[in-house]
Amino acid sequence: FADEASAQEFLQLADTPGSGTIIDFATETRRWPGDVPAFANAAYAGA
């Protein structure tokens, strides 16, 4: 982000349950070599 304040505001939103997610890169580009993970009920971490 352009500054730390904008980044902090976005992280607070991302930490809120049900606010959405960032789409997995290999899933979006179909690059997983085998089974494709669904990331349903996934564990989350943000920093």
PDB file of all heavy atoms in Angstrom:
ATOM      1  N   PHE A   1       0.837  -1.188   0.000  1.00  0.00           N
ATOM      2  CA  PHE A   1       0.000   0.000   0.000  1.00  0.00           C
ATOM      3  C   PHE A   1       0.879   1.247   0.000  1.00  0.00           C
ATOM      4  O   PHE A   1       2.093   1.185   0.234  1.00  0.00           O
ATOM      5  CB  PHE A   1      -0.933  -0.003   1.211  1.00  0.00           C
ATOM      6  CG  PHE A   1      -1.984  -1.069   1.162  1.00  0.00           C
ATOM      7  CD1 PHE A   1      -1.717  -2.349   1.636  1.00  0.00           C
ATOM      8  CD2 PHE A   1      -3.230  -0.809   0.618  1.00  0.00           C
ATOM      9  CE1 PHE A   1      -2.685  -3.342   1.574  1.00  0.00           C
ATOM     10  CE2 PHE A   1      -4.203  -1.792   0.556  1.00  0.00           C
ATOM     11  CZ  PHE A   1      -3.928  -3.061   1.028  1.00  0.00           C
ATOM     12  N   ALA A   2       0.244   2.373  -0.242  1.00  0.00           N
ATOM     13  CA  ALA A   2       0.995   3.618  -0.350  1.00  0.00           C
ATOM     14  C   ALA A   2       1.587   4.046   0.985  1.00  0.00           C
ATOM     15  O   ALA A   2       2.644   4.673   1.030  1.00  0.00           O
ATOM     16  CB  ALA A   2       0.099   4.726  -0.916  1.00  0.00           C
ATOM     17  N   ASP A   3       0.929   3.720   2.093  1.00  0.00           N
ATOM     18  CA  ASP A   3       1.431   4.107   3.403  1.00  0.00           C
ATOM     19  C   ASP A   3       0.999   3.063   4.426  1.00  0.00           C
ATOM     20  O   ASP A   3       0.161   2.202   4.163  1.00  0.00           O
ATOM     21  CB  ASP A   3       0.925   5.494   3.808  1.00  0.00           C
ATOM     22  CG  ASP A   3      -0.577   5.635   3.650  1.00  0.00           C
ATOM     23  OD1 ASP A   3      -1.313   4.918   4.356  1.00  0.00           O
ATOM     24  OD2 ASP A   3      -1.008   6.434   2.806  1.00  0.00           O
ATOM     25  N   GLU A   4       1.572   3.138   5.604  1.00  0.00           N
ATOM     26  CA  GLU A   4       1.307   2.148   6.643  1.00  0.00           C
ATOM     27  C   GLU A   4      -0.107   2.263   7.187  1.00  0.00           C
ATOM     28  O   GLU A   4      -0.717   1.264   7.570  1.00  0.00           O
ATOM     29  CB  GLU A   4       2.317   2.309   7.777  1.00  0.00           C
ATOM     30  CG  GLU A   4       2.230   1.226   8.838  1.00  0.00           C
ATOM     31  CD  GLU A   4       3.357   1.305   9.846  1.00  0.00           C
ATOM     32  OE1 GLU A   4       4.315   2.065   9.594  1.00  0.00           O
ATOM     33  OE2 GLU A   4       3.274   0.604  10.865  1.00  0.00           O
ATOM     34  N   ALA A   5      -0.667   3.486   7.205  1.00  0.00           N
ATOM     35  CA  ALA A   5      -2.029   3.654   7.713  1.00  0.00           C
ATOM     36  C   ALA A   5      -3.032   2.913   6.832  1.00  0.00           C
ATOM     37  O   ALA A   5      -3.955   2.251   7.333  1.00  0.00           O
ATOM     38  CB  ALA A   5      -2.377   5.139   7.786  1.00  0.00           C
ATOM     39  N   SER A   6      -2.868   3.003   5.514  1.00  0.00           N
ATOM     40  CA  SER A   6      -3.768   2.281   4.602  1.00  0.00           C
ATOM     41  C   SER A   6      -3.612   0.778   4.779  1.00  0.00           C
ATOM     42  O   SER A   6      -4.602   0.032   4.738  1.00  0.00           O
ATOM     43  CB  SER A   6      -3.476   2.684   3.160  1.00  0.00           C
ATOM     44  OG  SER A   6      -3.655   4.072   2.965  1.00  0.00           O
ATOM     45  N   ALA A   7      -2.379   0.327   4.960  1.00  0.00           N
ATOM     46  CA  ALA A   7      -2.150  -1.107   5.165  1.00  0.00           C
ATOM     47  C   ALA A   7      -2.794  -1.584   6.459  1.00  0.00           C
ATOM     48  O   ALA A   7      -3.399  -2.668   6.510  1.00  0.00           O
ATOM     49  CB  ALA A   7      -0.648  -1.394   5.170  1.00  0.00           C
ATOM     50  N   GLN A   8      -2.677  -0.794   7.535  1.00  0.00           N
ATOM     51  CA  GLN A   8      -3.265  -1.175   8.813  1.00  0.00           C
ATOM     52  C   GLN A   8      -4.782  -1.256   8.716  1.00  0.00           C
ATOM     53  O   GLN A   8      -5.415  -2.190   9.252  1.00  0.00           O
ATOM     54  CB  GLN A   8      -2.872  -0.164   9.884  1.00  0.00           C
ATOM     55  CG  GLN A   8      -3.449  -0.454  11.264  1.00  0.00           C
ATOM     56  CD  GLN A   8      -2.889  -1.727  11.866  1.00  0.00           C
ATOM     57  OE1 GLN A   8      -1.682  -1.957  11.814  1.00  0.00           O
ATOM     58  NE2 GLN A   8      -3.742  -2.564  12.427  1.00  0.00           N
ATOM     59  N   GLU A   9      -5.396  -0.324   8.009  1.00  0.00           N
ATOM     60  CA  GLU A   9      -6.856  -0.339   7.837  1.00  0.00           C
ATOM     61  C   GLU A   9      -7.309  -1.568   7.053  1.00  0.00           C
ATOM     62  O   GLU A   9      -8.312  -2.202   7.390  1.00  0.00           O
ATOM     63  CB  GLU A   9      -7.293   0.937   7.123  1.00  0.00           C
ATOM     64  CG  GLU A   9      -8.794   1.071   6.959  1.00  0.00           C
ATOM     65  CD  GLU A   9      -9.187   2.361   6.266  1.00  0.00           C
ATOM     66  OE1 GLU A   9      -8.285   3.177   5.963  1.00  0.00           O
ATOM     67  OE2 GLU A   9     -10.398   2.540   6.009  1.00  0.00           O
ATOM     68  N   PHE A  10      -6.550  -1.940   6.033  1.00  0.00           N
ATOM     69  CA  PHE A  10      -6.914  -3.124   5.242  1.00  0.00           C
ATOM     70  C   PHE A  10      -6.741  -4.394   6.065  1.00  0.00           C
ATOM     71  O   PHE A  10      -7.562  -5.312   5.970  1.00  0.00           O
ATOM     72  CB  PHE A  10      -6.051  -3.188   3.981  1.00  0.00           C
ATOM     73  CG  PHE A  10      -6.398  -4.335   3.079  1.00  0.00           C
ATOM     74  CD1 PHE A  10      -7.482  -4.263   2.206  1.00  0.00           C
ATOM     75  CD2 PHE A  10      -5.657  -5.507   3.095  1.00  0.00           C
ATOM     76  CE1 PHE A  10      -7.810  -5.325   1.385  1.00  0.00           C
ATOM     77  CE2 PHE A  10      -5.978  -6.569   2.275  1.00  0.00           C
ATOM     78  CZ  PHE A  10      -7.059  -6.478   1.414  1.00  0.00           C
ATOM     79  N   LEU A  11      -5.707  -4.466   6.879  1.00  0.00           N
ATOM     80  CA  LEU A  11      -5.496  -5.659   7.706  1.00  0.00           C
ATOM     81  C   LEU A  11      -6.628  -5.817   8.712  1.00  0.00           C
ATOM     82  O   LEU A  11      -7.075  -6.944   8.981  1.00  0.00           O
ATOM     83  CB  LEU A  11      -4.149  -5.572   8.415  1.00  0.00           C
ATOM     84  CG  LEU A  11      -3.807  -6.741   9.345  1.00  0.00           C
ATOM     85  CD1 LEU A  11      -3.765  -8.047   8.574  1.00  0.00           C
ATOM     86  CD2 LEU A  11      -2.488  -6.502  10.054  1.00  0.00           C
ATOM     87  N   GLN A  12      -7.102  -4.732   9.299  1.00  0.00           N
ATOM     88  CA  GLN A  12      -8.226  -4.825  10.233  1.00  0.00           C
ATOM     89  C   GLN A  12      -9.464  -5.393   9.550  1.00  0.00           C
ATOM     90  O   GLN A  12     -10.193  -6.197  10.135  1.00  0.00           O
ATOM     91  CB  GLN A  12      -8.522  -3.444  10.814  1.00  0.00           C
ATOM     92  CG  GLN A  12      -7.463  -2.925  11.770  1.00  0.00           C
ATOM     93  CD  GLN A  12      -7.773  -1.535  12.288  1.00  0.00           C
ATOM     94  OE1 GLN A  12      -8.750  -0.916  11.873  1.00  0.00           O
ATOM     95  NE2 GLN A  12      -6.936  -1.032  13.194  1.00  0.00           N
ATOM     96  N   LEU A  13      -9.694  -4.987   8.291  1.00  0.00           N
ATOM     97  CA  LEU A  13     -10.819  -5.545   7.553  1.00  0.00           C
ATOM     98  C   LEU A  13     -10.605  -7.018   7.253  1.00  0.00           C
ATOM     99  O   LEU A  13     -11.530  -7.839   7.369  1.00  0.00           O
ATOM    100  CB  LEU A  13     -11.029  -4.755   6.262  1.00  0.00           C
ATOM    101  CG  LEU A  13     -12.153  -5.239   5.339  1.00  0.00           C
ATOM    102  CD1 LEU A  13     -13.505  -5.149   6.039  1.00  0.00           C
ATOM    103  CD2 LEU A  13     -12.170  -4.431   4.040  1.00  0.00           C
ATOM    104  N   ALA A  14      -9.382  -7.387   6.863  1.00  0.00           N
ATOM    105  CA  ALA A  14      -9.096  -8.793   6.542  1.00  0.00           C
ATOM    106  C   ALA A  14      -9.225  -9.682   7.767  1.00  0.00           C
ATOM    107  O   ALA A  14      -9.593 -10.865   7.655  1.00  0.00           O
ATOM    108  CB  ALA A  14      -7.700  -8.924   5.939  1.00  0.00           C
ATOM    109  N   ASP A  15      -8.943  -9.142   8.953  1.00  0.00           N
ATOM    110  CA  ASP A  15      -9.064  -9.931  10.183  1.00  0.00           C
ATOM    111  C   ASP A  15     -10.514 -10.145  10.601  1.00  0.00           C
ATOM    112  O   ASP A  15     -10.782 -10.965  11.487  1.00  0.00           O
ATOM    113  CB  ASP A  15      -8.314  -9.231  11.328  1.00  0.00           C
ATOM    114  CG  ASP A  15      -6.805  -9.305  11.154  1.00  0.00           C
ATOM    115  OD1 ASP A  15      -6.341 -10.154  10.376  1.00  0.00           O
ATOM    116  OD2 ASP A  15      -6.085  -8.497  11.781  1.00  0.00           O
ATOM    117  N   THR A  16     -11.444  -9.430   9.987  1.00  0.00           N
ATOM    118  CA  THR A  16     -12.861  -9.567  10.333  1.00  0.00           C
ATOM    119  C   THR A  16     -13.438 -10.819   9.670  1.00  0.00           C
ATOM    120  O   THR A  16     -13.351 -10.957   8.446  1.00  0.00           O
ATOM    121  CB  THR A  16     -13.651  -8.340   9.866  1.00  0.00           C
ATOM    122  OG1 THR A  16     -13.066  -7.163  10.446  1.00  0.00           O
ATOM    123  CG2 THR A  16     -15.106  -8.446  10.288  1.00  0.00           C
ATOM    124  N   PRO A  17     -14.014 -11.747  10.419  1.00  0.00           N
ATOM    125  CA  PRO A  17     -14.582 -12.961   9.791  1.00  0.00           C
ATOM    126  C   PRO A  17     -15.670 -12.609   8.796  1.00  0.00           C
ATOM    127  O   PRO A  17     -16.498 -11.721   9.024  1.00  0.00           O
ATOM    128  CB  PRO A  17     -15.151 -13.746  10.982  1.00  0.00           C
ATOM    129  CG  PRO A  17     -14.401 -13.234  12.171  1.00  0.00           C
ATOM    130  CD  PRO A  17     -14.106 -11.791  11.891  1.00  0.00           C
ATOM    131  N   GLY A  18     -15.638 -13.284   7.661  1.00  0.00           N
ATOM    132  CA  GLY A  18     -16.649 -13.078   6.635  1.00  0.00           C
ATOM    133  C   GLY A  18     -16.403 -11.898   5.733  1.00  0.00           C
ATOM    134  O   GLY A  18     -17.285 -11.535   4.948  1.00  0.00           O
ATOM    135  N   SER A  19     -15.207 -11.278   5.799  1.00  0.00           N
ATOM    136  CA  SER A  19     -14.947 -10.092   4.977  1.00  0.00           C
ATOM    137  C   SER A  19     -14.383 -10.430   3.608  1.00  0.00           C
ATOM    138  O   SER A  19     -14.147  -9.525   2.805  1.00  0.00           O
ATOM    139  CB  SER A  19     -13.977  -9.156   5.709  1.00  0.00           C
ATOM    140  OG  SER A  19     -12.743  -9.816   5.967  1.00  0.00           O
ATOM    141  N   GLY A  20     -14.170 -11.709   3.312  1.00  0.00           N
ATOM    142  CA  GLY A  20     -13.621 -12.093   2.011  1.00  0.00           C
ATOM    143  C   GLY A  20     -12.196 -12.587   2.143  1.00  0.00           C
ATOM    144  O   GLY A  20     -11.658 -12.745   3.246  1.00  0.00           O
ATOM    145  N   THR A  21     -11.553 -12.792   1.009  1.00  0.00           N
ATOM    146  CA  THR A  21     -10.200 -13.341   1.021  1.00  0.00           C
ATOM    147  C   THR A  21      -9.489 -12.944  -0.270  1.00  0.00           C
ATOM    148  O   THR A  21     -10.090 -12.349  -1.168  1.00  0.00           O
ATOM    149  CB  THR A  21     -10.238 -14.870   1.165  1.00  0.00           C
ATOM    150  OG1 THR A  21      -8.902 -15.360   1.297  1.00  0.00           O
ATOM    151  CG2 THR A  21     -10.869 -15.511  -0.057  1.00  0.00           C
ATOM    152  N   ILE A  22      -8.215 -13.307  -0.349  1.00  0.00           N
ATOM    153  CA  ILE A  22      -7.428 -13.152  -1.571  1.00  0.00           C
ATOM    154  C   ILE A  22      -7.378 -14.511  -2.255  1.00  0.00           C
ATOM    155  O   ILE A  22      -7.053 -15.517  -1.630  1.00  0.00           O
ATOM    156  CB  ILE A  22      -6.000 -12.639  -1.273  1.00  0.00           C
ATOM    157  CG1 ILE A  22      -6.062 -11.319  -0.511  1.00  0.00           C
ATOM    158  CG2 ILE A  22      -5.228 -12.460  -2.568  1.00  0.00           C
ATOM    159  CD1 ILE A  22      -6.730 -10.187  -1.258  1.00  0.00           C
ATOM    160  N   ILE A  23      -7.716 -14.550  -3.532  1.00  0.00           N
ATOM    161  CA  ILE A  23      -7.805 -15.820  -4.263  1.00  0.00           C
ATOM    162  C   ILE A  23      -6.420 -16.455  -4.386  1.00  0.00           C
ATOM    163  O   ILE A  23      -5.431 -15.779  -4.691  1.00  0.00           O
ATOM    164  CB  ILE A  23      -8.412 -15.581  -5.656  1.00  0.00           C
ATOM    165  CG1 ILE A  23      -9.793 -14.928  -5.521  1.00  0.00           C
ATOM    166  CG2 ILE A  23      -8.525 -16.889  -6.432  1.00  0.00           C
ATOM    167  CD1 ILE A  23     -10.391 -14.492  -6.839  1.00  0.00           C
ATOM    168  N   ASP A  24      -6.358 -17.755  -4.151  1.00  0.00           N
ATOM    169  CA  ASP A  24      -5.093 -18.482  -4.255  1.00  0.00           C
ATOM    170  C   ASP A  24      -4.572 -18.427  -5.683  1.00  0.00           C
ATOM    171  O   ASP A  24      -5.316 -18.603  -6.654  1.00  0.00           O
ATOM    172  CB  ASP A  24      -5.304 -19.934  -3.811  1.00  0.00           C
ATOM    173  CG  ASP A  24      -4.075 -20.779  -4.040  1.00  0.00           C
ATOM    174  OD1 ASP A  24      -3.017 -20.451  -3.478  1.00  0.00           O
ATOM    175  OD2 ASP A  24      -4.163 -21.751  -4.807  1.00  0.00           O
ATOM    176  N   PHE A  25      -3.257 -18.182  -5.824  1.00  0.00           N
ATOM    177  CA  PHE A  25      -2.681 -17.989  -7.163  1.00  0.00           C
ATOM    178  C   PHE A  25      -2.722 -19.267  -7.993  1.00  0.00           C
ATOM    179  O   PHE A  25      -3.134 -19.255  -9.161  1.00  0.00           O
ATOM    180  CB  PHE A  25      -1.237 -17.493  -7.026  1.00  0.00           C
ATOM    181  CG  PHE A  25      -0.583 -17.214  -8.359  1.00  0.00           C
ATOM    182  CD1 PHE A  25      -0.878 -16.056  -9.059  1.00  0.00           C
ATOM    183  CD2 PHE A  25       0.310 -18.109  -8.925  1.00  0.00           C
ATOM    184  CE1 PHE A  25      -0.294 -15.794 -10.286  1.00  0.00           C
ATOM    185  CE2 PHE A  25       0.900 -17.861 -10.148  1.00  0.00           C
ATOM    186  CZ  PHE A  25       0.599 -16.703 -10.834  1.00  0.00           C
ATOM    187  N   ALA A  26      -2.294 -20.388  -7.431  1.00  0.00           N
ATOM    188  CA  ALA A  26      -2.277 -21.634  -8.204  1.00  0.00           C
ATOM    189  C   ALA A  26      -3.686 -22.093  -8.567  1.00  0.00           C
ATOM    190  O   ALA A  26      -3.901 -22.688  -9.619  1.00  0.00           O
ATOM    191  CB  ALA A  26      -1.555 -22.734  -7.422  1.00  0.00           C
ATOM    192  N   THR A  27      -4.653 -21.821  -7.697  1.00  0.00           N
ATOM    193  CA  THR A  27      -6.036 -22.166  -8.026  1.00  0.00           C
ATOM    194  C   THR A  27      -6.548 -21.306  -9.166  1.00  0.00           C
ATOM    195  O   THR A  27      -7.197 -21.798 -10.087  1.00  0.00           O
ATOM    196  CB  THR A  27      -6.929 -21.982  -6.782  1.00  0.00           C
ATOM    197  OG1 THR A  27      -6.437 -22.809  -5.719  1.00  0.00           O
ATOM    198  CG2 THR A  27      -8.370 -22.365  -7.089  1.00  0.00           C
ATOM    199  N   GLU A  28      -6.249 -20.008  -9.132  1.00  0.00           N
ATOM    200  CA  GLU A  28      -6.715 -19.095 -10.174  1.00  0.00           C
ATOM    201  C   GLU A  28      -6.079 -19.401 -11.519  1.00  0.00           C
ATOM    202  O   GLU A  28      -6.727 -19.303 -12.566  1.00  0.00           O
ATOM    203  CB  GLU A  28      -6.400 -17.656  -9.762  1.00  0.00           C
ATOM    204  CG  GLU A  28      -6.955 -16.598 -10.693  1.00  0.00           C
ATOM    205  CD  GLU A  28      -6.617 -15.201 -10.230  1.00  0.00           C
ATOM    206  OE1 GLU A  28      -5.429 -14.815 -10.313  1.00  0.00           O
ATOM    207  OE2 GLU A  28      -7.532 -14.497  -9.769  1.00  0.00           O
ATOM    208  N   THR A  29      -4.808 -19.789 -11.517  1.00  0.00           N
ATOM    209  CA  THR A  29      -4.089 -20.066 -12.767  1.00  0.00           C
ATOM    210  C   THR A  29      -4.041 -21.554 -13.118  1.00  0.00           C
ATOM    211  O   THR A  29      -3.379 -21.922 -14.084  1.00  0.00           O
ATOM    212  CB  THR A  29      -2.658 -19.534 -12.661  1.00  0.00           C
ATOM    213  OG1 THR A  29      -1.989 -20.138 -11.536  1.00  0.00           O
ATOM    214  CG2 THR A  29      -2.669 -18.018 -12.480  1.00  0.00           C
ATOM    215  N   ARG A  30      -4.706 -22.385 -12.320  1.00  0.00           N
ATOM    216  CA  ARG A  30      -4.757 -23.837 -12.566  1.00  0.00           C
ATOM    217  C   ARG A  30      -3.353 -24.434 -12.613  1.00  0.00           C
ATOM    218  O   ARG A  30      -2.989 -25.153 -13.543  1.00  0.00           O
ATOM    219  CB  ARG A  30      -5.510 -24.145 -13.863  1.00  0.00           C
ATOM    220  CG  ARG A  30      -6.947 -23.651 -13.850  1.00  0.00           C
ATOM    221  CD  ARG A  30      -7.656 -23.995 -15.134  1.00  0.00           C
ATOM    222  NE  ARG A  30      -9.040 -23.521 -15.120  1.00  0.00           N
ATOM    223  CZ  ARG A  30      -9.899 -23.678 -16.115  1.00  0.00           C
ATOM    224  NH1 ARG A  30      -9.529 -24.315 -17.208  1.00  0.00           N
ATOM    225  NH2 ARG A  30     -11.124 -23.219 -16.022  1.00  0.00           N
ATOM    226  N   ARG A  31      -2.570 -24.147 -11.585  1.00  0.00           N
ATOM    227  CA  ARG A  31      -1.185 -24.604 -11.557  1.00  0.00           C
ATOM    228  C   ARG A  31      -0.936 -25.677 -10.493  1.00  0.00           C
ATOM    229  O   ARG A  31       0.211 -26.091 -10.325  1.00  0.00           O
ATOM    230  CB  ARG A  31      -0.273 -23.392 -11.282  1.00  0.00           C
ATOM    231  CG  ARG A  31      -0.386 -22.278 -12.334  1.00  0.00           C
ATOM    232  CD  ARG A  31       0.566 -22.481 -13.479  1.00  0.00           C
ATOM    233  NE  ARG A  31       1.930 -22.318 -13.041  1.00  0.00           N
ATOM    234  CZ  ARG A  31       2.536 -21.134 -12.922  1.00  0.00           C
ATOM    235  NH1 ARG A  31       1.877 -20.024 -13.193  1.00  0.00           N
ATOM    236  NH2 ARG A  31       3.798 -21.066 -12.538  1.00  0.00           N
ATOM    237  N   TRP A  32      -1.969 -26.075  -9.754  1.00  0.00           N
ATOM    238  CA  TRP A  32      -1.758 -27.146  -8.793  1.00  0.00           C
ATOM    239  C   TRP A  32      -1.467 -28.440  -9.547  1.00  0.00           C
ATOM    240  O   TRP A  32      -2.188 -28.789 -10.487  1.00  0.00           O
ATOM    241  CB  TRP A  32      -2.971 -27.321  -7.898  1.00  0.00           C
ATOM    242  CG  TRP A  32      -3.077 -26.282  -6.825  1.00  0.00           C
ATOM    243  CD1 TRP A  32      -3.919 -25.218  -6.798  1.00  0.00           C
ATOM    244  CD2 TRP A  32      -2.310 -26.209  -5.630  1.00  0.00           C
ATOM    245  NE1 TRP A  32      -3.717 -24.477  -5.663  1.00  0.00           N
ATOM    246  CE2 TRP A  32      -2.733 -25.060  -4.918  1.00  0.00           C
ATOM    247  CE3 TRP A  32      -1.294 -27.002  -5.080  1.00  0.00           C
ATOM    248  CZ2 TRP A  32      -2.183 -24.685  -3.701  1.00  0.00           C
ATOM    249  CZ3 TRP A  32      -0.748 -26.634  -3.856  1.00  0.00           C
ATOM    250  CH2 TRP A  32      -1.190 -25.496  -3.184  1.00  0.00           C
ATOM    251  N   PRO A  33      -0.448 -29.199  -9.176  1.00  0.00           N
ATOM    252  CA  PRO A  33      -0.098 -30.400  -9.946  1.00  0.00           C
ATOM    253  C   PRO A  33      -1.108 -31.532  -9.822  1.00  0.00           C
ATOM    254  O   PRO A  33      -1.229 -32.359 -10.714  1.00  0.00           O
ATOM    255  CB  PRO A  33       1.260 -30.804  -9.353  1.00  0.00           C
ATOM    256  CG  PRO A  33       1.268 -30.223  -7.970  1.00  0.00           C
ATOM    257  CD  PRO A  33       0.488 -28.947  -8.058  1.00  0.00           C
ATOM    258  N   GLY A  34      -1.842 -31.601  -8.735  1.00  0.00           N
ATOM    259  CA  GLY A  34      -2.807 -32.681  -8.535  1.00  0.00           C
ATOM    260  C   GLY A  34      -4.139 -32.147  -8.073  1.00  0.00           C
ATOM    261  O   GLY A  34      -4.757 -31.318  -8.741  1.00  0.00           O
ATOM    262  N   ASP A  35      -4.580 -32.628  -6.916  1.00  0.00           N
ATOM    263  CA  ASP A  35      -5.850 -32.162  -6.367  1.00  0.00           C
ATOM    264  C   ASP A  35      -5.779 -30.667  -6.056  1.00  0.00           C
ATOM    265  O   ASP A  35      -4.757 -30.163  -5.572  1.00  0.00           O
ATOM    266  CB  ASP A  35      -6.190 -32.940  -5.085  1.00  0.00           C
ATOM    267  CG  ASP A  35      -6.424 -34.418  -5.362  1.00  0.00           C
ATOM    268  OD1 ASP A  35      -6.783 -34.729  -6.515  1.00  0.00           O
ATOM    269  OD2 ASP A  35      -6.240 -35.233  -4.449  1.00  0.00           O
ATOM    270  N   VAL A  36      -6.874 -29.990  -6.328  1.00  0.00           N
ATOM    271  CA  VAL A  36      -6.948 -28.543  -6.092  1.00  0.00           C
ATOM    272  C   VAL A  36      -7.580 -28.303  -4.724  1.00  0.00           C
ATOM    273  O   VAL A  36      -8.707 -28.737  -4.476  1.00  0.00           O
ATOM    274  CB  VAL A  36      -7.773 -27.844  -7.185  1.00  0.00           C
ATOM    275  CG1 VAL A  36      -7.859 -26.343  -6.919  1.00  0.00           C
ATOM    276  CG2 VAL A  36      -7.157 -28.107  -8.554  1.00  0.00           C
ATOM    277  N   PRO A  37      -6.904 -27.622  -3.819  1.00  0.00           N
ATOM    278  CA  PRO A  37      -7.490 -27.374  -2.493  1.00  0.00           C
ATOM    279  C   PRO A  37      -8.641 -26.389  -2.587  1.00  0.00           C
ATOM    280  O   PRO A  37      -8.624 -25.446  -3.385  1.00  0.00           O
ATOM    281  CB  PRO A  37      -6.321 -26.798  -1.694  1.00  0.00           C
ATOM    282  CG  PRO A  37      -5.418 -26.212  -2.724  1.00  0.00           C
ATOM    283  CD  PRO A  37      -5.548 -27.069  -3.945  1.00  0.00           C
ATOM    284  N   ALA A  38      -9.648 -26.581  -1.745  1.00  0.00           N
ATOM    285  CA  ALA A  38     -10.822 -25.704  -1.752  1.00  0.00           C
ATOM    286  C   ALA A  38     -10.658 -24.510  -0.818  1.00  0.00           C
ATOM    287  O   ALA A  38     -11.354 -23.508  -0.971  1.00  0.00           O
ATOM    288  CB  ALA A  38     -12.070 -26.490  -1.351  1.00  0.00           C
ATOM    289  N   PHE A  39      -9.760 -24.604   0.156  1.00  0.00           N
ATOM    290  CA  PHE A  39      -9.558 -23.566   1.178  1.00  0.00           C
ATOM    291  C   PHE A  39     -10.861 -23.210   1.880  1.00  0.00           C
ATOM    292  O   PHE A  39     -11.070 -22.070   2.294  1.00  0.00           O
ATOM    293  CB  PHE A  39      -8.928 -22.312   0.561  1.00  0.00           C
ATOM    294  CG  PHE A  39      -7.480 -22.504   0.167  1.00  0.00           C
ATOM    295  CD1 PHE A  39      -7.124 -22.724  -1.150  1.00  0.00           C
ATOM    296  CD2 PHE A  39      -6.488 -22.492   1.142  1.00  0.00           C
ATOM    297  CE1 PHE A  39      -5.798 -22.915  -1.501  1.00  0.00           C
ATOM    298  CE2 PHE A  39      -5.150 -22.677   0.791  1.00  0.00           C
ATOM    299  CZ  PHE A  39      -4.803 -22.898  -0.540  1.00  0.00           C
ATOM    300  N   ALA A  40     -11.761 -24.193   2.002  1.00  0.00           N
ATOM    301  CA  ALA A  40     -12.977 -24.025   2.797  1.00  0.00           C
ATOM    302  C   ALA A  40     -12.653 -24.354   4.248  1.00  0.00           C
ATOM    303  O   ALA A  40     -11.968 -25.339   4.544  1.00  0.00           O
ATOM    304  CB  ALA A  40     -14.084 -24.928   2.278  1.00  0.00           C
ATOM    305  N   ASN A  41     -13.132 -23.518   5.174  1.00  0.00           N
ATOM    306  CA  ASN A  41     -12.827 -23.656   6.600  1.00  0.00           C
ATOM    307  C   ASN A  41     -11.321 -23.667   6.839  1.00  0.00           C
ATOM    308  O   ASN A  41     -10.809 -24.409   7.683  1.00  0.00           O
ATOM    309  CB  ASN A  41     -13.456 -24.934   7.163  1.00  0.00           C
ATOM    310  CG  ASN A  41     -14.960 -24.911   7.090  1.00  0.00           C
ATOM    311  OD1 ASN A  41     -15.603 -23.979   7.550  1.00  0.00           O
ATOM    312  ND2 ASN A  41     -15.533 -25.937   6.494  1.00  0.00           N
ATOM    313  N   ALA A  42     -10.603 -22.836   6.080  1.00  0.00           N
ATOM    314  CA  ALA A  42      -9.149 -22.777   6.199  1.00  0.00           C
ATOM    315  C   ALA A  42      -8.742 -21.975   7.424  1.00  0.00           C
ATOM    316  O   ALA A  42      -9.478 -21.113   7.907  1.00  0.00           O
ATOM    317  CB  ALA A  42      -8.548 -22.159   4.938  1.00  0.00           C
ATOM    318  N   ALA A  43      -7.535 -22.257   7.920  1.00  0.00           N
ATOM    319  CA  ALA A  43      -6.947 -21.436   8.970  1.00  0.00           C
ATOM    320  C   ALA A  43      -6.389 -20.169   8.343  1.00  0.00           C
ATOM    321  O   ALA A  43      -5.920 -20.171   7.203  1.00  0.00           O
ATOM    322  CB  ALA A  43      -5.855 -22.210   9.701  1.00  0.00           C
ATOM    323  N   TYR A  44      -6.425 -19.075   9.119  1.00  0.00           N
ATOM    324  CA  TYR A  44      -6.047 -17.764   8.592  1.00  0.00           C
ATOM    325  C   TYR A  44      -5.004 -17.125   9.495  1.00  0.00           C
ATOM    326  O   TYR A  44      -5.017 -17.299  10.720  1.00  0.00           O
ATOM    327  CB  TYR A  44      -7.282 -16.861   8.513  1.00  0.00           C
ATOM    328  CG  TYR A  44      -6.969 -15.377   8.397  1.00  0.00           C
ATOM    329  CD1 TYR A  44      -6.646 -14.802   7.184  1.00  0.00           C
ATOM    330  CD2 TYR A  44      -6.975 -14.566   9.536  1.00  0.00           C
ATOM    331  CE1 TYR A  44      -6.340 -13.453   7.087  1.00  0.00           C
ATOM    332  CE2 TYR A  44      -6.681 -13.214   9.449  1.00  0.00           C
ATOM    333  CZ  TYR A  44      -6.365 -12.661   8.223  1.00  0.00           C
ATOM    334  OH  TYR A  44      -6.064 -11.326   8.130  1.00  0.00           O
ATOM    335  N   ALA A  45      -4.092 -16.386   8.875  1.00  0.00           N
ATOM    336  CA  ALA A  45      -3.124 -15.587   9.617  1.00  0.00           C
ATOM    337  C   ALA A  45      -2.834 -14.328   8.820  1.00  0.00           C
ATOM    338  O   ALA A  45      -2.758 -14.369   7.587  1.00  0.00           O
ATOM    339  CB  ALA A  45      -1.835 -16.362   9.873  1.00  0.00           C
ATOM    340  N   GLY A  46      -2.705 -13.219   9.507  1.00  0.00           N
ATOM    341  CA  GLY A  46      -2.400 -11.954   8.859  1.00  0.00           C
ATOM    342  C   GLY A  46      -1.370 -11.186   9.661  1.00  0.00           C
ATOM    343  O   GLY A  46      -1.295 -11.310  10.890  1.00  0.00           O
ATOM    344  N   ALA A  47      -0.554 -10.384   8.961  1.00  0.00           N
ATOM    345  CA  ALA A  47       0.490  -9.622   9.640  1.00  0.00           C
ATOM    346  C   ALA A  47       0.778  -8.370   8.845  1.00  0.00           C
ATOM    347  O   ALA A  47       0.550  -8.306   7.621  1.00  0.00           O
ATOM    348  CB  ALA A  47       1.755 -10.457   9.818  1.00  0.00           C
TER     349      ALA A  47
END
